[in-house]
PDB file of N, CA and C in Angstrom:
ATOM      1  N   MET A   1     -22.843  13.139 -41.772  1.00  0.00           N
ATOM      2  CA  MET A   1     -22.044  14.024 -40.944  1.00  0.00           C
ATOM      3  C   MET A   1     -22.559  14.024 -39.499  1.00  0.00           C
ATOM      4  N   LYS A   2     -23.897  14.061 -39.350  1.00  0.00           N
ATOM      5  CA  LYS A   2     -24.457  14.043 -38.004  1.00  0.00           C
ATOM      6  C   LYS A   2     -24.150  12.718 -37.309  1.00  0.00           C
ATOM      7  N   THR A   3     -24.133  11.651 -38.060  1.00  0.00           N
ATOM      8  CA  THR A   3     -23.822  10.339 -37.487  1.00  0.00           C
ATOM      9  C   THR A   3     -22.389  10.295 -36.987  1.00  0.00           C
ATOM     10  N   ALA A   4     -21.475  10.893 -37.726  1.00  0.00           N
ATOM     11  CA  ALA A   4     -20.070  10.913 -37.318  1.00  0.00           C
ATOM     12  C   ALA A   4     -19.892  11.734 -36.047  1.00  0.00           C
ATOM     13  N   ILE A   5     -20.579  12.867 -35.956  1.00  0.00           N
ATOM     14  CA  ILE A   5     -20.481  13.717 -34.761  1.00  0.00           C
ATOM     15  C   ILE A   5     -21.083  12.990 -33.557  1.00  0.00           C
ATOM     16  N   LEU A   6     -22.228  12.355 -33.768  1.00  0.00           N
ATOM     17  CA  LEU A   6     -22.875  11.602 -32.687  1.00  0.00           C
ATOM     18  C   LEU A   6     -21.981  10.456 -32.215  1.00  0.00           C
ATOM     19  N   ALA A   7     -21.372   9.749 -33.150  1.00  0.00           N
ATOM     20  CA  ALA A   7     -20.479   8.651 -32.798  1.00  0.00           C
ATOM     21  C   ALA A   7     -19.262   9.168 -32.032  1.00  0.00           C
ATOM     22  N   PHE A   8     -18.712  10.297 -32.478  1.00  0.00           N
ATOM     23  CA  PHE A   8     -17.558  10.883 -31.788  1.00  0.00           C
ATOM     24  C   PHE A   8     -17.932  11.274 -30.363  1.00  0.00           C
ATOM     25  N   CYS A   9     -19.088  11.919 -30.193  1.00  0.00           N
ATOM     26  CA  CYS A   9     -19.535  12.325 -28.854  1.00  0.00           C
ATOM     27  C   CYS A   9     -19.747  11.113 -27.955  1.00  0.00           C
ATOM     28  N   LEU A  10     -20.332  10.053 -28.509  1.00  0.00           N
ATOM     29  CA  LEU A  10     -20.564   8.844 -27.735  1.00  0.00           C
ATOM     30  C   LEU A  10     -19.250   8.202 -27.294  1.00  0.00           C
ATOM     31  N   ILE A  11     -18.300   8.107 -28.202  1.00  0.00           N
ATOM     32  CA  ILE A  11     -16.996   7.518 -27.876  1.00  0.00           C
ATOM     33  C   ILE A  11     -16.258   8.379 -26.858  1.00  0.00           C
ATOM     34  N   ALA A  12     -16.318   9.697 -27.031  1.00  0.00           N
ATOM     35  CA  ALA A  12     -15.647  10.597 -26.088  1.00  0.00           C
ATOM     36  C   ALA A  12     -16.262  10.472 -24.693  1.00  0.00           C
ATOM     37  N   THR A  13     -17.578  10.389 -24.615  1.00  0.00           N
ATOM     38  CA  THR A  13     -18.255  10.260 -23.324  1.00  0.00           C
ATOM     39  C   THR A  13     -17.874   8.942 -22.646  1.00  0.00           C
ATOM     40  N   LEU A  14     -17.903   7.861 -23.389  1.00  0.00           N
ATOM     41  CA  LEU A  14     -17.543   6.565 -22.806  1.00  0.00           C
ATOM     42  C   LEU A  14     -16.095   6.528 -22.348  1.00  0.00           C
ATOM     43  N   THR A  15     -15.223   7.173 -23.094  1.00  0.00           N
ATOM     44  CA  THR A  15     -13.812   7.221 -22.715  1.00  0.00           C
ATOM     45  C   THR A  15     -13.622   7.995 -21.424  1.00  0.00           C
ATOM     46  N   LEU A  16     -14.292   9.131 -21.301  1.00  0.00           N
ATOM     47  CA  LEU A  16     -14.161   9.940 -20.085  1.00  0.00           C
ATOM     48  C   LEU A  16     -14.770   9.245 -18.876  1.00  0.00           C
ATOM     49  N   VAL A  17     -15.878   8.573 -19.064  1.00  0.00           N
ATOM     50  CA  VAL A  17     -16.502   7.861 -17.960  1.00  0.00           C
ATOM     51  C   VAL A  17     -15.615   6.706 -17.509  1.00  0.00           C
ATOM     52  N   GLY A  18     -14.985   6.018 -18.435  1.00  0.00           N
ATOM     53  CA  GLY A  18     -14.099   4.917 -18.088  1.00  0.00           C
ATOM     54  C   GLY A  18     -12.878   5.367 -17.315  1.00  0.00           C
ATOM     55  N   CYS A  19     -12.411   6.568 -17.578  1.00  0.00           N
ATOM     56  CA  CYS A  19     -11.235   7.087 -16.887  1.00  0.00           C
ATOM     57  C   CYS A  19     -11.588   7.740 -15.558  1.00  0.00           C
ATOM     58  N   ALA A  20     -12.851   7.989 -15.314  1.00  0.00           N
ATOM     59  CA  ALA A  20     -13.263   8.707 -14.105  1.00  0.00           C
ATOM     60  C   ALA A  20     -13.129   7.839 -12.855  1.00  0.00           C
ATOM     61  N   SER A  21     -13.295   6.537 -12.980  1.00  0.00           N
ATOM     62  CA  SER A  21     -13.206   5.687 -11.798  1.00  0.00           C
ATOM     63  C   SER A  21     -11.747   5.411 -11.475  1.00  0.00           C
ATOM     64  N   LYS A  22     -11.420   5.553 -10.189  1.00  0.00           N
ATOM     65  CA  LYS A  22     -10.038   5.367  -9.743  1.00  0.00           C
ATOM     66  C   LYS A  22      -9.919   4.019  -9.037  1.00  0.00           C
ATOM     67  N   PRO A  23      -8.994   3.169  -9.443  1.00  0.00           N
ATOM     68  CA  PRO A  23      -8.847   1.875  -8.777  1.00  0.00           C
ATOM     69  C   PRO A  23      -8.286   2.047  -7.363  1.00  0.00           C
ATOM     70  N   GLN A  24      -8.556   1.077  -6.510  1.00  0.00           N
ATOM     71  CA  GLN A  24      -8.037   1.125  -5.152  1.00  0.00           C
ATOM     72  C   GLN A  24      -6.523   0.959  -5.157  1.00  0.00           C
ATOM     73  N   THR A  25      -5.879   1.700  -4.271  1.00  0.00           N
ATOM     74  CA  THR A  25      -4.446   1.543  -4.117  1.00  0.00           C
ATOM     75  C   THR A  25      -4.178   0.373  -3.176  1.00  0.00           C
ATOM     76  N   PHE A  26      -2.936  -0.019  -3.092  1.00  0.00           N
ATOM     77  CA  PHE A  26      -2.552  -1.115  -2.206  1.00  0.00           C
ATOM     78  C   PHE A  26      -2.871  -0.754  -0.759  1.00  0.00           C
ATOM     79  N   GLY A  27      -2.636   0.502  -0.398  1.00  0.00           N
ATOM     80  CA  GLY A  27      -2.939   0.951   0.959  1.00  0.00           C
ATOM     81  C   GLY A  27      -4.423   0.876   1.269  1.00  0.00           C
ATOM     82  N   ASP A  28      -5.269   1.236   0.291  1.00  0.00           N
ATOM     83  CA  ASP A  28      -6.716   1.141   0.479  1.00  0.00           C
ATOM     84  C   ASP A  28      -7.137  -0.302   0.715  1.00  0.00           C
ATOM     85  N   GLN A  29      -6.534  -1.203  -0.036  1.00  0.00           N
ATOM     86  CA  GLN A  29      -6.871  -2.612   0.111  1.00  0.00           C
ATOM     87  C   GLN A  29      -6.460  -3.133   1.491  1.00  0.00           C
ATOM     88  N   LEU A  30      -5.314  -2.627   2.008  1.00  0.00           N
ATOM     89  CA  LEU A  30      -4.891  -3.016   3.351  1.00  0.00           C
ATOM     90  C   LEU A  30      -5.861  -2.471   4.384  1.00  0.00           C
ATOM     91  N   SER A  31      -6.372  -1.103   4.208  1.00  0.00           N
ATOM     92  CA  SER A  31      -7.317  -0.547   5.190  1.00  0.00           C
ATOM     93  C   SER A  31      -8.558  -1.386   5.220  1.00  0.00           C
ATOM     94  N   ASP A  32      -9.044  -1.882   3.960  1.00  0.00           N
ATOM     95  CA  ASP A  32     -10.250  -2.696   3.912  1.00  0.00           C
ATOM     96  C   ASP A  32     -10.014  -4.039   4.607  1.00  0.00           C
ATOM     97  N   GLY A  33      -8.815  -4.578   4.435  1.00  0.00           N
ATOM     98  CA  GLY A  33      -8.478  -5.840   5.084  1.00  0.00           C
ATOM     99  C   GLY A  33      -8.520  -5.720   6.600  1.00  0.00           C
ATOM    100  N   HIS A  34      -8.018  -4.612   7.117  1.00  0.00           N
ATOM    101  CA  HIS A  34      -8.053  -4.395   8.563  1.00  0.00           C
ATOM    102  C   HIS A  34      -9.487  -4.329   9.069  1.00  0.00           C
ATOM    103  N   LYS A  35     -10.379  -3.728   8.301  1.00  0.00           N
ATOM    104  CA  LYS A  35     -11.789  -3.657   8.705  1.00  0.00           C
ATOM    105  C   LYS A  35     -12.384  -5.052   8.804  1.00  0.00           C
ATOM    106  N   HIS A  36     -12.049  -5.912   7.845  1.00  0.00           N
ATOM    107  CA  HIS A  36     -12.572  -7.272   7.863  1.00  0.00           C
ATOM    108  C   HIS A  36     -12.018  -8.059   9.043  1.00  0.00           C
ATOM    109  N   VAL A  37     -10.751  -7.876   9.342  1.00  0.00           N
ATOM    110  CA  VAL A  37     -10.135  -8.581  10.475  1.00  0.00           C
ATOM    111  C   VAL A  37     -10.776  -8.123  11.781  1.00  0.00           C
ATOM    112  N   ASP A  38     -10.950  -6.814  11.940  1.00  0.00           N
ATOM    113  CA  ASP A  38     -11.567  -6.307  13.167  1.00  0.00           C
ATOM    114  C   ASP A  38     -12.998  -6.808  13.317  1.00  0.00           C
ATOM    115  N   SER A  39     -13.733  -6.825  12.222  1.00  0.00           N
ATOM    116  CA  SER A  39     -15.109  -7.319  12.256  1.00  0.00           C
ATOM    117  C   SER A  39     -15.144  -8.795  12.637  1.00  0.00           C
ATOM    118  N   SER A  40     -14.233  -9.568  12.079  1.00  0.00           N
ATOM    119  CA  SER A  40     -14.179 -10.999  12.385  1.00  0.00           C
ATOM    120  C   SER A  40     -13.818 -11.245  13.843  1.00  0.00           C
ATOM    121  N   LYS A  41     -12.900 -10.449  14.375  1.00  0.00           N
ATOM    122  CA  LYS A  41     -12.527 -10.597  15.789  1.00  0.00           C
ATOM    123  C   LYS A  41     -13.726 -10.323  16.683  1.00  0.00           C
ATOM    124  N   GLN A  42     -14.500  -9.291  16.356  1.00  0.00           N
ATOM    125  CA  GLN A  42     -15.673  -8.956  17.159  1.00  0.00           C
ATOM    126  C   GLN A  42     -16.716 -10.069  17.085  1.00  0.00           C
ATOM    127  N   GLN A  43     -16.908 -10.636  15.906  1.00  0.00           N
ATOM    128  CA  GLN A  43     -17.854 -11.741  15.757  1.00  0.00           C
ATOM    129  C   GLN A  43     -17.412 -12.950  16.578  1.00  0.00           C
ATOM    130  N   MET A  44     -16.133 -13.207  16.604  1.00  0.00           N
ATOM    131  CA  MET A  44     -15.619 -14.344  17.372  1.00  0.00           C
ATOM    132  C   MET A  44     -15.813 -14.111  18.872  1.00  0.00           C
ATOM    133  N   LEU A  45     -15.540 -12.888  19.333  1.00  0.00           N
ATOM    134  CA  LEU A  45     -15.750 -12.575  20.745  1.00  0.00           C
ATOM    135  C   LEU A  45     -17.220 -12.736  21.129  1.00  0.00           C
ATOM    136  N   ASN A  46     -18.107 -12.281  20.269  1.00  0.00           N
ATOM    137  CA  ASN A  46     -19.543 -12.410  20.534  1.00  0.00           C
ATOM    138  C   ASN A  46     -19.953 -13.884  20.592  1.00  0.00           C
ATOM    139  N   SER A  47     -19.419 -14.683  19.686  1.00  0.00           N
ATOM    140  CA  SER A  47     -19.746 -16.119  19.661  1.00  0.00           C
ATOM    141  C   SER A  47     -19.250 -16.809  20.925  1.00  0.00           C
ATOM    142  N   GLU A  48     -18.051 -16.466  21.344  1.00  0.00           N
ATOM    143  CA  GLU A  48     -17.500 -17.074  22.549  1.00  0.00           C
ATOM    144  C   GLU A  48     -18.302 -16.673  23.784  1.00  0.00           C
ATOM    145  N   ALA A  49     -18.729 -15.419  23.849  1.00  0.00           N
ATOM    146  CA  ALA A  49     -19.539 -14.964  24.984  1.00  0.00           C
ATOM    147  C   ALA A  49     -20.890 -15.669  24.994  1.00  0.00           C
ATOM    148  N   ASP A  50     -21.511 -15.825  23.835  1.00  0.00           N
ATOM    149  CA  ASP A  50     -22.785 -16.544  23.758  1.00  0.00           C
ATOM    150  C   ASP A  50     -22.622 -18.002  24.172  1.00  0.00           C
ATOM    151  N   TYR A  51     -21.515 -18.615  23.797  1.00  0.00           N
ATOM    152  CA  TYR A  51     -21.259 -20.010  24.166  1.00  0.00           C
ATOM    153  C   TYR A  51     -21.099 -20.142  25.680  1.00  0.00           C
ATOM    154  N   GLN A  52     -20.388 -19.191  26.293  1.00  0.00           N
ATOM    155  CA  GLN A  52     -20.208 -19.233  27.743  1.00  0.00           C
ATOM    156  C   GLN A  52     -21.546 -19.068  28.464  1.00  0.00           C
ATOM    157  N   LYS A  53     -22.403 -18.182  27.947  1.00  0.00           N
ATOM    158  CA  LYS A  53     -23.735 -18.011  28.554  1.00  0.00           C
ATOM    159  C   LYS A  53     -24.539 -19.302  28.447  1.00  0.00           C
ATOM    160  N   MET A  54     -24.446 -19.964  27.305  1.00  0.00           N
ATOM    161  CA  MET A  54     -25.171 -21.203  27.097  1.00  0.00           C
ATOM    162  C   MET A  54     -24.673 -22.285  28.057  1.00  0.00           C
ATOM    163  N   ARG A  55     -23.393 -22.339  28.307  1.00  0.00           N
ATOM    164  CA  ARG A  55     -22.833 -23.350  29.205  1.00  0.00           C
ATOM    165  C   ARG A  55     -23.234 -23.093  30.651  1.00  0.00           C
ATOM    166  N   GLN A  56     -23.427 -21.822  31.014  1.00  0.00           N
ATOM    167  CA  GLN A  56     -23.795 -21.497  32.396  1.00  0.00           C
ATOM    168  C   GLN A  56     -25.250 -21.868  32.690  1.00  0.00           C
ATOM    169  N   THR A  57     -26.088 -21.877  31.688  1.00  0.00           N
ATOM    170  CA  THR A  57     -27.505 -22.229  31.884  1.00  0.00           C
ATOM    171  C   THR A  57     -27.850 -23.388  30.966  1.00  0.00           C
ATOM    172  N   PRO A  58     -27.489 -24.603  31.354  1.00  0.00           N
ATOM    173  CA  PRO A  58     -27.775 -25.748  30.496  1.00  0.00           C
ATOM    174  C   PRO A  58     -29.278 -26.030  30.417  1.00  0.00           C
ATOM    175  N   VAL A  59     -29.679 -26.606  29.334  1.00  0.00           N
ATOM    176  CA  VAL A  59     -31.069 -26.977  29.135  1.00  0.00           C
ATOM    177  C   VAL A  59     -31.284 -28.358  29.730  1.00  0.00           C
ATOM    178  N   LEU A  60     -32.323 -28.481  30.543  1.00  0.00           N
ATOM    179  CA  LEU A  60     -32.603 -29.772  31.152  1.00  0.00           C
ATOM    180  C   LEU A  60     -33.239 -30.702  30.129  1.00  0.00           C
ATOM    181  N   THR A  61     -32.778 -31.928  30.146  1.00  0.00           N
ATOM    182  CA  THR A  61     -33.359 -32.916  29.247  1.00  0.00           C
ATOM    183  C   THR A  61     -34.282 -33.831  30.067  1.00  0.00           C
ATOM    184  N   PRO A  62     -35.380 -34.212  29.456  1.00  0.00           N
ATOM    185  CA  PRO A  62     -36.302 -35.079  30.213  1.00  0.00           C
ATOM    186  C   PRO A  62     -35.696 -36.461  30.451  1.00  0.00           C
ATOM    187  N   THR A  63     -35.987 -37.016  31.611  1.00  0.00           N
ATOM    188  CA  THR A  63     -35.515 -38.374  31.911  1.00  0.00           C
ATOM    189  C   THR A  63     -36.723 -39.303  31.919  1.00  0.00           C
ATOM    190  N   TYR A  64     -36.561 -40.470  31.418  1.00  0.00           N
ATOM    191  CA  TYR A  64     -37.664 -41.443  31.310  1.00  0.00           C
ATOM    192  C   TYR A  64     -37.477 -42.566  32.266  1.00  0.00           C
TER     193      TYR A  64
END
């Protein structure tokens, strides 16, 4: 009898925990997508600015 009660409690707990997490909605996925796009744009701007700085101060190569 105790085993049946313990098993029931375990199954009930696992069922409730499984239902507690809420999946992302389509709108949430779009908000996350916008964050990634904005982050990527900023990274690209930073890369382009670093490239321009590098071009303005070229490294001298030794001549033989």
